Amino acid sequence: MRLKDKAALITGGGGDIARGVTQKFLANGASVILFDCDKLLLKEAVREMAADDPQLRIVVGDVRRLEDLEHAAGICERECGKVDILVTCAGVATHQPIDELPLEG
């Protein structure tokens, strides 16, 4: 993988898929921001993977809130200089056509 010096923002960061992706990204030289609404799940993920890896950071927030997403992207840009990769692992259920969904969630 060509991930050296790339910055990734991963939503749903506390889940199993996000953890697997994070481990691969870190092993290949990427910086990773894990974003999830569950702080305890994020802390558990970090403990499980690489608690002392300076390339791994967490941000608590809700993908249904635009300001939380902007905050996470801003942290990624400030701390990593950019956002190269977005991995969306957060699951949110709704029963509306996508073009009718409000940005506010």
PDB file of N, CA and C in Angstrom:
ATOM      1  N   MET A   1       0.837  -1.193   0.000  1.00  0.00           N
ATOM      2  CA  MET A   1       0.000   0.000   0.000  1.00  0.00           C
ATOM      3  C   MET A   1       0.875   1.247   0.000  1.00  0.00           C
ATOM      4  N   ARG A   2       0.431   2.260  -0.681  1.00  0.00           N
ATOM      5  CA  ARG A   2       1.158   3.526  -0.707  1.00  0.00           C
ATOM      6  C   ARG A   2       0.500   4.520   0.246  1.00  0.00           C
ATOM      7  N   LEU A   3       0.713   4.316   1.530  1.00  0.00           N
ATOM      8  CA  LEU A   3       0.056   5.147   2.533  1.00  0.00           C
ATOM      9  C   LEU A   3       1.032   6.001   3.333  1.00  0.00           C
ATOM     10  N   LYS A   4       2.321   5.849   3.109  1.00  0.00           N
ATOM     11  CA  LYS A   4       3.315   6.612   3.850  1.00  0.00           C
ATOM     12  C   LYS A   4       3.010   8.094   3.726  1.00  0.00           C
ATOM     13  N   ASP A   5       2.940   8.767   4.866  1.00  0.00           N
ATOM     14  CA  ASP A   5       2.694  10.206   4.944  1.00  0.00           C
ATOM     15  C   ASP A   5       1.299  10.630   4.480  1.00  0.00           C
ATOM     16  N   LYS A   6       0.358   9.709   4.394  1.00  0.00           N
ATOM     17  CA  LYS A   6      -1.031  10.043   4.074  1.00  0.00           C
ATOM     18  C   LYS A   6      -1.796  10.217   5.380  1.00  0.00           C
ATOM     19  N   ALA A   7      -2.853  11.012   5.342  1.00  0.00           N
ATOM     20  CA  ALA A   7      -3.699  11.257   6.513  1.00  0.00           C
ATOM     21  C   ALA A   7      -5.099  10.732   6.229  1.00  0.00           C
ATOM     22  N   ALA A   8      -5.597   9.907   7.147  1.00  0.00           N
ATOM     23  CA  ALA A   8      -6.916   9.305   6.977  1.00  0.00           C
ATOM     24  C   ALA A   8      -7.838   9.717   8.115  1.00  0.00           C
ATOM     25  N   LEU A   9      -9.068  10.029   7.759  1.00  0.00           N
ATOM     26  CA  LEU A   9     -10.138  10.290   8.714  1.00  0.00           C
ATOM     27  C   LEU A   9     -11.120   9.134   8.573  1.00  0.00           C
ATOM     28  N   ILE A  10     -11.358   8.413   9.680  1.00  0.00           N
ATOM     29  CA  ILE A  10     -12.204   7.224   9.643  1.00  0.00           C
ATOM     30  C   ILE A  10     -13.393   7.429  10.569  1.00  0.00           C
ATOM     31  N   THR A  11     -14.602   7.453   9.988  1.00  0.00           N
ATOM     32  CA  THR A  11     -15.813   7.580  10.799  1.00  0.00           C
ATOM     33  C   THR A  11     -16.231   6.194  11.286  1.00  0.00           C
ATOM     34  N   GLY A  12     -16.991   6.169  12.370  1.00  0.00           N
ATOM     35  CA  GLY A  12     -17.357   4.890  12.972  1.00  0.00           C
ATOM     36  C   GLY A  12     -16.118   4.206  13.530  1.00  0.00           C
ATOM     37  N   GLY A  13     -15.184   5.030  13.999  1.00  0.00           N
ATOM     38  CA  GLY A  13     -13.852   4.580  14.379  1.00  0.00           C
ATOM     39  C   GLY A  13     -13.768   3.550  15.475  1.00  0.00           C
ATOM     40  N   GLY A  14     -14.811   3.371  16.255  1.00  0.00           N
ATOM     41  CA  GLY A  14     -14.772   2.385  17.321  1.00  0.00           C
ATOM     42  C   GLY A  14     -15.167   0.987  16.876  1.00  0.00           C
ATOM     43  N   GLY A  15     -15.687   0.860  15.666  1.00  0.00           N
ATOM     44  CA  GLY A  15     -16.168  -0.437  15.185  1.00  0.00           C
ATOM     45  C   GLY A  15     -15.070  -1.340  14.660  1.00  0.00           C
ATOM     46  N   ASP A  16     -15.413  -2.591  14.451  1.00  0.00           N
ATOM     47  CA  ASP A  16     -14.443  -3.597  14.025  1.00  0.00           C
ATOM     48  C   ASP A  16     -13.844  -3.322  12.648  1.00  0.00           C
ATOM     49  N   ILE A  17     -14.647  -2.910  11.689  1.00  0.00           N
ATOM     50  CA  ILE A  17     -14.115  -2.620  10.354  1.00  0.00           C
ATOM     51  C   ILE A  17     -13.136  -1.458  10.425  1.00  0.00           C
ATOM     52  N   ALA A  18     -13.509  -0.405  11.124  1.00  0.00           N
ATOM     53  CA  ALA A  18     -12.631   0.749  11.266  1.00  0.00           C
ATOM     54  C   ALA A  18     -11.325   0.372  11.962  1.00  0.00           C
ATOM     55  N   ARG A  19     -11.397  -0.491  12.944  1.00  0.00           N
ATOM     56  CA  ARG A  19     -10.188  -0.936  13.646  1.00  0.00           C
ATOM     57  C   ARG A  19      -9.256  -1.687  12.698  1.00  0.00           C
ATOM     58  N   GLY A  20      -9.824  -2.561  11.895  1.00  0.00           N
ATOM     59  CA  GLY A  20      -9.021  -3.309  10.928  1.00  0.00           C
ATOM     60  C   GLY A  20      -8.355  -2.408   9.911  1.00  0.00           C
ATOM     61  N   VAL A  21      -9.115  -1.455   9.386  1.00  0.00           N
ATOM     62  CA  VAL A  21      -8.571  -0.492   8.422  1.00  0.00           C
ATOM     63  C   VAL A  21      -7.470   0.324   9.086  1.00  0.00           C
ATOM     64  N   THR A  22      -7.711   0.776  10.308  1.00  0.00           N
ATOM     65  CA  THR A  22      -6.729   1.586  11.030  1.00  0.00           C
ATOM     66  C   THR A  22      -5.421   0.832  11.210  1.00  0.00           C
ATOM     67  N   GLN A  23      -5.500  -0.416  11.601  1.00  0.00           N
ATOM     68  CA  GLN A  23      -4.289  -1.207  11.802  1.00  0.00           C
ATOM     69  C   GLN A  23      -3.472  -1.308  10.519  1.00  0.00           C
ATOM     70  N   LYS A  24      -4.132  -1.531   9.400  1.00  0.00           N
ATOM     71  CA  LYS A  24      -3.437  -1.606   8.106  1.00  0.00           C
ATOM     72  C   LYS A  24      -2.831  -0.255   7.734  1.00  0.00           C
ATOM     73  N   PHE A  25      -3.596   0.807   7.920  1.00  0.00           N
ATOM     74  CA  PHE A  25      -3.107   2.141   7.578  1.00  0.00           C
ATOM     75  C   PHE A  25      -1.879   2.496   8.414  1.00  0.00           C
ATOM     76  N   LEU A  26      -1.949   2.264   9.733  1.00  0.00           N
ATOM     77  CA  LEU A  26      -0.817   2.577  10.609  1.00  0.00           C
ATOM     78  C   LEU A  26       0.408   1.751  10.236  1.00  0.00           C
ATOM     79  N   ALA A  27       0.201   0.467   9.952  1.00  0.00           N
ATOM     80  CA  ALA A  27       1.313  -0.419   9.590  1.00  0.00           C
ATOM     81  C   ALA A  27       1.994   0.023   8.294  1.00  0.00           C
ATOM     82  N   ASN A  28       1.269   0.778   7.477  1.00  0.00           N
ATOM     83  CA  ASN A  28       1.809   1.228   6.203  1.00  0.00           C
ATOM     84  C   ASN A  28       2.161   2.711   6.188  1.00  0.00           C
ATOM     85  N   GLY A  29       2.275   3.318   7.380  1.00  0.00           N
ATOM     86  CA  GLY A  29       2.812   4.661   7.478  1.00  0.00           C
ATOM     87  C   GLY A  29       1.843   5.820   7.449  1.00  0.00           C
ATOM     88  N   ALA A  30       0.544   5.558   7.501  1.00  0.00           N
ATOM     89  CA  ALA A  30      -0.440   6.643   7.484  1.00  0.00           C
ATOM     90  C   ALA A  30      -0.681   7.183   8.893  1.00  0.00           C
ATOM     91  N   SER A  31      -1.137   8.418   8.956  1.00  0.00           N
ATOM     92  CA  SER A  31      -1.678   8.998  10.193  1.00  0.00           C
ATOM     93  C   SER A  31      -3.180   8.779  10.149  1.00  0.00           C
ATOM     94  N   VAL A  32      -3.777   8.470  11.313  1.00  0.00           N
ATOM     95  CA  VAL A  32      -5.199   8.157  11.347  1.00  0.00           C
ATOM     96  C   VAL A  32      -5.897   8.942  12.448  1.00  0.00           C
ATOM     97  N   ILE A  33      -7.021   9.551  12.077  1.00  0.00           N
ATOM     98  CA  ILE A  33      -7.940  10.166  13.024  1.00  0.00           C
ATOM     99  C   ILE A  33      -9.171   9.271  13.071  1.00  0.00           C
ATOM    100  N   LEU A  34      -9.445   8.673  14.237  1.00  0.00           N
ATOM    101  CA  LEU A  34     -10.652   7.874  14.420  1.00  0.00           C
ATOM    102  C   LEU A  34     -11.756   8.767  14.969  1.00  0.00           C
ATOM    103  N   PHE A  35     -12.912   8.751  14.337  1.00  0.00           N
ATOM    104  CA  PHE A  35     -14.036   9.611  14.687  1.00  0.00           C
ATOM    105  C   PHE A  35     -15.234   8.735  15.013  1.00  0.00           C
ATOM    106  N   ASP A  36     -15.814   8.928  16.195  1.00  0.00           N
ATOM    107  CA  ASP A  36     -16.969   8.127  16.609  1.00  0.00           C
ATOM    108  C   ASP A  36     -17.710   8.903  17.692  1.00  0.00           C
ATOM    109  N   CYS A  37     -18.981   8.583  17.884  1.00  0.00           N
ATOM    110  CA  CYS A  37     -19.771   9.252  18.923  1.00  0.00           C
ATOM    111  C   CYS A  37     -19.579   8.603  20.296  1.00  0.00           C
ATOM    112  N   ASP A  38     -18.942   7.440  20.339  1.00  0.00           N
ATOM    113  CA  ASP A  38     -18.767   6.702  21.583  1.00  0.00           C
ATOM    114  C   ASP A  38     -17.312   6.793  22.054  1.00  0.00           C
ATOM    115  N   LYS A  39     -17.058   7.670  23.020  1.00  0.00           N
ATOM    116  CA  LYS A  39     -15.697   7.906  23.506  1.00  0.00           C
ATOM    117  C   LYS A  39     -15.082   6.648  24.115  1.00  0.00           C
ATOM    118  N   LEU A  40     -15.863   5.888  24.854  1.00  0.00           N
ATOM    119  CA  LEU A  40     -15.342   4.667  25.477  1.00  0.00           C
ATOM    120  C   LEU A  40     -14.926   3.643  24.424  1.00  0.00           C
ATOM    121  N   LEU A  41     -15.716   3.519  23.372  1.00  0.00           N
ATOM    122  CA  LEU A  41     -15.390   2.602  22.277  1.00  0.00           C
ATOM    123  C   LEU A  41     -14.110   3.039  21.569  1.00  0.00           C
ATOM    124  N   LEU A  42     -13.953   4.343  21.380  1.00  0.00           N
ATOM    125  CA  LEU A  42     -12.725   4.861  20.762  1.00  0.00           C
ATOM    126  C   LEU A  42     -11.501   4.558  21.625  1.00  0.00           C
ATOM    127  N   LYS A  43     -11.630   4.796  22.920  1.00  0.00           N
ATOM    128  CA  LYS A  43     -10.501   4.529  23.830  1.00  0.00           C
ATOM    129  C   LYS A  43     -10.152   3.043  23.844  1.00  0.00           C
ATOM    130  N   GLU A  44     -11.169   2.196  23.811  1.00  0.00           N
ATOM    131  CA  GLU A  44     -10.938   0.753  23.756  1.00  0.00           C
ATOM    132  C   GLU A  44     -10.208   0.375  22.461  1.00  0.00           C
ATOM    133  N   ALA A  45     -10.629   0.982  21.355  1.00  0.00           N
ATOM    134  CA  ALA A  45      -9.987   0.709  20.062  1.00  0.00           C
ATOM    135  C   ALA A  45      -8.513   1.100  20.105  1.00  0.00           C
ATOM    136  N   VAL A  46      -8.217   2.247  20.668  1.00  0.00           N
ATOM    137  CA  VAL A  46      -6.832   2.714  20.756  1.00  0.00           C
ATOM    138  C   VAL A  46      -6.018   1.776  21.641  1.00  0.00           C
ATOM    139  N   ARG A  47      -6.570   1.395  22.775  1.00  0.00           N
ATOM    140  CA  ARG A  47      -5.870   0.460  23.675  1.00  0.00           C
ATOM    141  C   ARG A  47      -5.572  -0.856  22.958  1.00  0.00           C
ATOM    142  N   GLU A  48      -6.562  -1.336  22.225  1.00  0.00           N
ATOM    143  CA  GLU A  48      -6.432  -2.614  21.536  1.00  0.00           C
ATOM    144  C   GLU A  48      -5.402  -2.571  20.413  1.00  0.00           C
ATOM    145  N   MET A  49      -5.317  -1.433  19.732  1.00  0.00           N
ATOM    146  CA  MET A  49      -4.458  -1.347  18.550  1.00  0.00           C
ATOM    147  C   MET A  49      -3.045  -0.874  18.840  1.00  0.00           C
ATOM    148  N   ALA A  50      -2.937   0.350  19.299  1.00  0.00           N
ATOM    149  CA  ALA A  50      -1.601   0.938  19.438  1.00  0.00           C
ATOM    150  C   ALA A  50      -1.697   2.196  20.271  1.00  0.00           C
ATOM    151  N   ALA A  51      -1.906   2.030  21.552  1.00  0.00           N
ATOM    152  CA  ALA A  51      -2.154   3.176  22.423  1.00  0.00           C
ATOM    153  C   ALA A  51      -1.052   4.220  22.381  1.00  0.00           C
ATOM    154  N   ASP A  52       0.166   3.831  22.078  1.00  0.00           N
ATOM    155  CA  ASP A  52       1.264   4.781  22.111  1.00  0.00           C
ATOM    156  C   ASP A  52       1.693   5.262  20.723  1.00  0.00           C
ATOM    157  N   ASP A  53       0.943   4.916  19.692  1.00  0.00           N
ATOM    158  CA  ASP A  53       1.305   5.321  18.338  1.00  0.00           C
ATOM    159  C   ASP A  53       0.952   6.790  18.118  1.00  0.00           C
ATOM    160  N   PRO A  54       1.949   7.639  17.875  1.00  0.00           N
ATOM    161  CA  PRO A  54       1.677   9.066  17.680  1.00  0.00           C
ATOM    162  C   PRO A  54       0.912   9.369  16.386  1.00  0.00           C
ATOM    163  N   GLN A  55       0.797   8.394  15.521  1.00  0.00           N
ATOM    164  CA  GLN A  55       0.076   8.583  14.264  1.00  0.00           C
ATOM    165  C   GLN A  55      -1.421   8.341  14.416  1.00  0.00           C
ATOM    166  N   LEU A  56      -1.860   7.942  15.610  1.00  0.00           N
ATOM    167  CA  LEU A  56      -3.264   7.616  15.856  1.00  0.00           C
ATOM    168  C   LEU A  56      -3.862   8.593  16.849  1.00  0.00           C
ATOM    169  N   ARG A  57      -4.982   9.212  16.454  1.00  0.00           N
ATOM    170  CA  ARG A  57      -5.674  10.165  17.311  1.00  0.00           C
ATOM    171  C   ARG A  57      -7.174   9.858  17.278  1.00  0.00           C
ATOM    172  N   ILE A  58      -7.886  10.333  18.295  1.00  0.00           N
ATOM    173  CA  ILE A  58      -9.338  10.138  18.315  1.00  0.00           C
ATOM    174  C   ILE A  58     -10.046  11.488  18.395  1.00  0.00           C
ATOM    175  N   VAL A  59     -11.240  11.518  17.817  1.00  0.00           N
ATOM    176  CA  VAL A  59     -12.120  12.681  17.897  1.00  0.00           C
ATOM    177  C   VAL A  59     -13.524  12.150  18.168  1.00  0.00           C
ATOM    178  N   VAL A  60     -14.163  12.687  19.182  1.00  0.00           N
ATOM    179  CA  VAL A  60     -15.517  12.270  19.524  1.00  0.00           C
ATOM    180  C   VAL A  60     -16.504  13.207  18.836  1.00  0.00           C
ATOM    181  N   GLY A  61     -17.482  12.623  18.161  1.00  0.00           N
ATOM    182  CA  GLY A  61     -18.510  13.417  17.495  1.00  0.00           C
ATOM    183  C   GLY A  61     -19.490  12.516  16.769  1.00  0.00           C
ATOM    184  N   ASP A  62     -20.533  13.124  16.254  1.00  0.00           N
ATOM    185  CA  ASP A  62     -21.642  12.415  15.616  1.00  0.00           C
ATOM    186  C   ASP A  62     -21.653  12.740  14.120  1.00  0.00           C
ATOM    187  N   VAL A  63     -21.609  11.710  13.271  1.00  0.00           N
ATOM    188  CA  VAL A  63     -21.597  11.934  11.820  1.00  0.00           C
ATOM    189  C   VAL A  63     -22.871  12.599  11.318  1.00  0.00           C
ATOM    190  N   ARG A  64     -23.920  12.614  12.124  1.00  0.00           N
ATOM    191  CA  ARG A  64     -25.171  13.262  11.709  1.00  0.00           C
ATOM    192  C   ARG A  64     -25.151  14.760  11.953  1.00  0.00           C
ATOM    193  N   ARG A  65     -24.080  15.249  12.584  1.00  0.00           N
ATOM    194  CA  ARG A  65     -23.965  16.679  12.895  1.00  0.00           C
ATOM    195  C   ARG A  65     -22.847  17.292  12.045  1.00  0.00           C
ATOM    196  N   LEU A  66     -23.213  18.176  11.146  1.00  0.00           N
ATOM    197  CA  LEU A  66     -22.255  18.793  10.233  1.00  0.00           C
ATOM    198  C   LEU A  66     -21.107  19.458  10.987  1.00  0.00           C
ATOM    199  N   GLU A  67     -21.417  20.133  12.083  1.00  0.00           N
ATOM    200  CA  GLU A  67     -20.352  20.823  12.825  1.00  0.00           C
ATOM    201  C   GLU A  67     -19.359  19.829  13.436  1.00  0.00           C
ATOM    202  N   ASP A  68     -19.807  18.639  13.812  1.00  0.00           N
ATOM    203  CA  ASP A  68     -18.896  17.611  14.328  1.00  0.00           C
ATOM    204  C   ASP A  68     -17.979  17.100  13.222  1.00  0.00           C
ATOM    205  N   LEU A  69     -18.537  16.912  12.037  1.00  0.00           N
ATOM    206  CA  LEU A  69     -17.727  16.479  10.894  1.00  0.00           C
ATOM    207  C   LEU A  69     -16.690  17.532  10.520  1.00  0.00           C
ATOM    208  N   GLU A  70     -17.118  18.793  10.508  1.00  0.00           N
ATOM    209  CA  GLU A  70     -16.187  19.879  10.196  1.00  0.00           C
ATOM    210  C   GLU A  70     -15.086  19.959  11.245  1.00  0.00           C
ATOM    211  N   HIS A  71     -15.446  19.738  12.499  1.00  0.00           N
ATOM    212  CA  HIS A  71     -14.459  19.748  13.585  1.00  0.00           C
ATOM    213  C   HIS A  71     -13.422  18.636  13.378  1.00  0.00           C
ATOM    214  N   ALA A  72     -13.882  17.433  13.067  1.00  0.00           N
ATOM    215  CA  ALA A  72     -12.971  16.302  12.851  1.00  0.00           C
ATOM    216  C   ALA A  72     -12.057  16.544  11.656  1.00  0.00           C
ATOM    217  N   ALA A  73     -12.618  17.052  10.575  1.00  0.00           N
ATOM    218  CA  ALA A  73     -11.801  17.353   9.387  1.00  0.00           C
ATOM    219  C   ALA A  73     -10.785  18.446   9.709  1.00  0.00           C
ATOM    220  N   GLY A  74     -11.193  19.438  10.492  1.00  0.00           N
ATOM    221  CA  GLY A  74     -10.287  20.510  10.886  1.00  0.00           C
ATOM    222  C   GLY A  74      -9.129  20.001  11.728  1.00  0.00           C
ATOM    223  N   ILE A  75      -9.405  19.077  12.637  1.00  0.00           N
ATOM    224  CA  ILE A  75      -8.341  18.489  13.453  1.00  0.00           C
ATOM    225  C   ILE A  75      -7.377  17.715  12.558  1.00  0.00           C
ATOM    226  N   CYS A  76      -7.906  16.956  11.632  1.00  0.00           N
ATOM    227  CA  CYS A  76      -7.065  16.198  10.710  1.00  0.00           C
ATOM    228  C   CYS A  76      -6.178  17.144   9.901  1.00  0.00           C
ATOM    229  N   GLU A  77      -6.742  18.230   9.419  1.00  0.00           N
ATOM    230  CA  GLU A  77      -5.964  19.199   8.641  1.00  0.00           C
ATOM    231  C   GLU A  77      -4.907  19.886   9.503  1.00  0.00           C
ATOM    232  N   ARG A  78      -5.255  20.264  10.731  1.00  0.00           N
ATOM    233  CA  ARG A  78      -4.296  20.937  11.618  1.00  0.00           C
ATOM    234  C   ARG A  78      -3.163  20.020  12.041  1.00  0.00           C
ATOM    235  N   GLU A  79      -3.513  18.806  12.427  1.00  0.00           N
ATOM    236  CA  GLU A  79      -2.514  17.895  12.976  1.00  0.00           C
ATOM    237  C   GLU A  79      -1.746  17.116  11.913  1.00  0.00           C
ATOM    238  N   CYS A  80      -2.362  16.894  10.763  1.00  0.00           N
ATOM    239  CA  CYS A  80      -1.723  16.100   9.708  1.00  0.00           C
ATOM    240  C   CYS A  80      -1.424  16.922   8.456  1.00  0.00           C
ATOM    241  N   GLY A  81      -1.948  18.143   8.418  1.00  0.00           N
ATOM    242  CA  GLY A  81      -1.707  19.007   7.266  1.00  0.00           C
ATOM    243  C   GLY A  81      -2.698  18.849   6.135  1.00  0.00           C
ATOM    244  N   LYS A  82      -3.522  17.793   6.183  1.00  0.00           N
ATOM    245  CA  LYS A  82      -4.440  17.510   5.073  1.00  0.00           C
ATOM    246  C   LYS A  82      -5.349  16.338   5.438  1.00  0.00           C
ATOM    247  N   VAL A  83      -6.316  16.093   4.595  1.00  0.00           N
ATOM    248  CA  VAL A  83      -7.116  14.866   4.670  1.00  0.00           C
ATOM    249  C   VAL A  83      -6.963  14.208   3.307  1.00  0.00           C
ATOM    250  N   ASP A  84      -6.215  13.117   3.261  1.00  0.00           N
ATOM    251  CA  ASP A  84      -6.015  12.407   1.996  1.00  0.00           C
ATOM    252  C   ASP A  84      -7.077  11.346   1.758  1.00  0.00           C
ATOM    253  N   ILE A  85      -7.512  10.710   2.847  1.00  0.00           N
ATOM    254  CA  ILE A  85      -8.389   9.549   2.735  1.00  0.00           C
ATOM    255  C   ILE A  85      -9.542   9.693   3.723  1.00  0.00           C
ATOM    256  N   LEU A  86     -10.754   9.435   3.241  1.00  0.00           N
ATOM    257  CA  LEU A  86     -11.927   9.390   4.107  1.00  0.00           C
ATOM    258  C   LEU A  86     -12.500   7.981   4.020  1.00  0.00           C
ATOM    259  N   VAL A  87     -12.607   7.315   5.183  1.00  0.00           N
ATOM    260  CA  VAL A  87     -13.205   5.986   5.246  1.00  0.00           C
ATOM    261  C   VAL A  87     -14.467   6.126   6.079  1.00  0.00           C
ATOM    262  N   THR A  88     -15.603   5.800   5.496  1.00  0.00           N
ATOM    263  CA  THR A  88     -16.870   5.953   6.198  1.00  0.00           C
ATOM    264  C   THR A  88     -17.370   4.592   6.682  1.00  0.00           C
ATOM    265  N   CYS A  89     -17.183   4.365   7.975  1.00  0.00           N
ATOM    266  CA  CYS A  89     -17.623   3.105   8.592  1.00  0.00           C
ATOM    267  C   CYS A  89     -18.792   3.320   9.546  1.00  0.00           C
ATOM    268  N   ALA A  90     -19.205   4.556   9.723  1.00  0.00           N
ATOM    269  CA  ALA A  90     -20.326   4.836  10.625  1.00  0.00           C
ATOM    270  C   ALA A  90     -21.623   4.391   9.961  1.00  0.00           C
ATOM    271  N   GLY A  91     -22.457   3.750  10.735  1.00  0.00           N
ATOM    272  CA  GLY A  91     -23.744   3.314  10.214  1.00  0.00           C
ATOM    273  C   GLY A  91     -24.872   4.107  10.842  1.00  0.00           C
ATOM    274  N   VAL A  92     -25.704   4.701  10.004  1.00  0.00           N
ATOM    275  CA  VAL A  92     -26.862   5.458  10.468  1.00  0.00           C
ATOM    276  C   VAL A  92     -28.045   5.001   9.625  1.00  0.00           C
ATOM    277  N   ALA A  93     -29.100   4.563  10.271  1.00  0.00           N
ATOM    278  CA  ALA A  93     -30.265   4.059   9.543  1.00  0.00           C
ATOM    279  C   ALA A  93     -31.295   5.165   9.340  1.00  0.00           C
ATOM    280  N   THR A  94     -31.840   5.208   8.144  1.00  0.00           N
ATOM    281  CA  THR A  94     -32.921   6.135   7.833  1.00  0.00           C
ATOM    282  C   THR A  94     -33.785   5.515   6.742  1.00  0.00           C
ATOM    283  N   HIS A  95     -34.990   6.015   6.628  1.00  0.00           N
ATOM    284  CA  HIS A  95     -35.906   5.474   5.633  1.00  0.00           C
ATOM    285  C   HIS A  95     -36.462   6.588   4.758  1.00  0.00           C
ATOM    286  N   GLN A  96     -35.527   7.392   4.217  1.00  0.00           N
ATOM    287  CA  GLN A  96     -35.872   8.490   3.321  1.00  0.00           C
ATOM    288  C   GLN A  96     -34.947   8.445   2.118  1.00  0.00           C
ATOM    289  N   PRO A  97     -35.407   8.944   0.986  1.00  0.00           N
ATOM    290  CA  PRO A  97     -34.487   9.084  -0.145  1.00  0.00           C
ATOM    291  C   PRO A  97     -33.350  10.049   0.235  1.00  0.00           C
ATOM    292  N   ILE A  98     -32.147   9.766  -0.215  1.00  0.00           N
ATOM    293  CA  ILE A  98     -30.984  10.560   0.186  1.00  0.00           C
ATOM    294  C   ILE A  98     -31.136  12.041  -0.154  1.00  0.00           C
ATOM    295  N   ASP A  99     -31.791  12.346  -1.251  1.00  0.00           N
ATOM    296  CA  ASP A  99     -31.919  13.753  -1.648  1.00  0.00           C
ATOM    297  C   ASP A  99     -32.945  14.499  -0.794  1.00  0.00           C
ATOM    298  N   GLU A 100     -33.654  13.795   0.090  1.00  0.00           N
ATOM    299  CA  GLU A 100     -34.606  14.438   1.003  1.00  0.00           C
ATOM    300  C   GLU A 100     -34.064  14.565   2.421  1.00  0.00           C
ATOM    301  N   LEU A 101     -32.866  14.045   2.672  1.00  0.00           N
ATOM    302  CA  LEU A 101     -32.292  14.103   4.016  1.00  0.00           C
ATOM    303  C   LEU A 101     -31.774  15.499   4.312  1.00  0.00           C
ATOM    304  N   PRO A 102     -32.121  16.013   5.484  1.00  0.00           N
ATOM    305  CA  PRO A 102     -31.585  17.316   5.869  1.00  0.00           C
ATOM    306  C   PRO A 102     -30.131  17.174   6.335  1.00  0.00           C
ATOM    307  N   LEU A 103     -29.312  18.183   6.127  1.00  0.00           N
ATOM    308  CA  LEU A 103     -27.935  18.162   6.594  1.00  0.00           C
ATOM    309  C   LEU A 103     -27.855  18.038   8.117  1.00  0.00           C
ATOM    310  N   GLU A 104     -28.847  18.557   8.795  1.00  0.00           N
ATOM    311  CA  GLU A 104     -28.848  18.565  10.255  1.00  0.00           C
ATOM    312  C   GLU A 104     -29.038  17.175  10.853  1.00  0.00           C
ATOM    313  N   GLY A 105     -29.365  16.178  10.081  1.00  0.00           N
ATOM    314  CA  GLY A 105     -29.539  14.815  10.608  1.00  0.00           C
ATOM    315  C   GLY A 105     -30.952  14.604  10.977  1.00  0.00           C
TER     316      GLY A 105
END
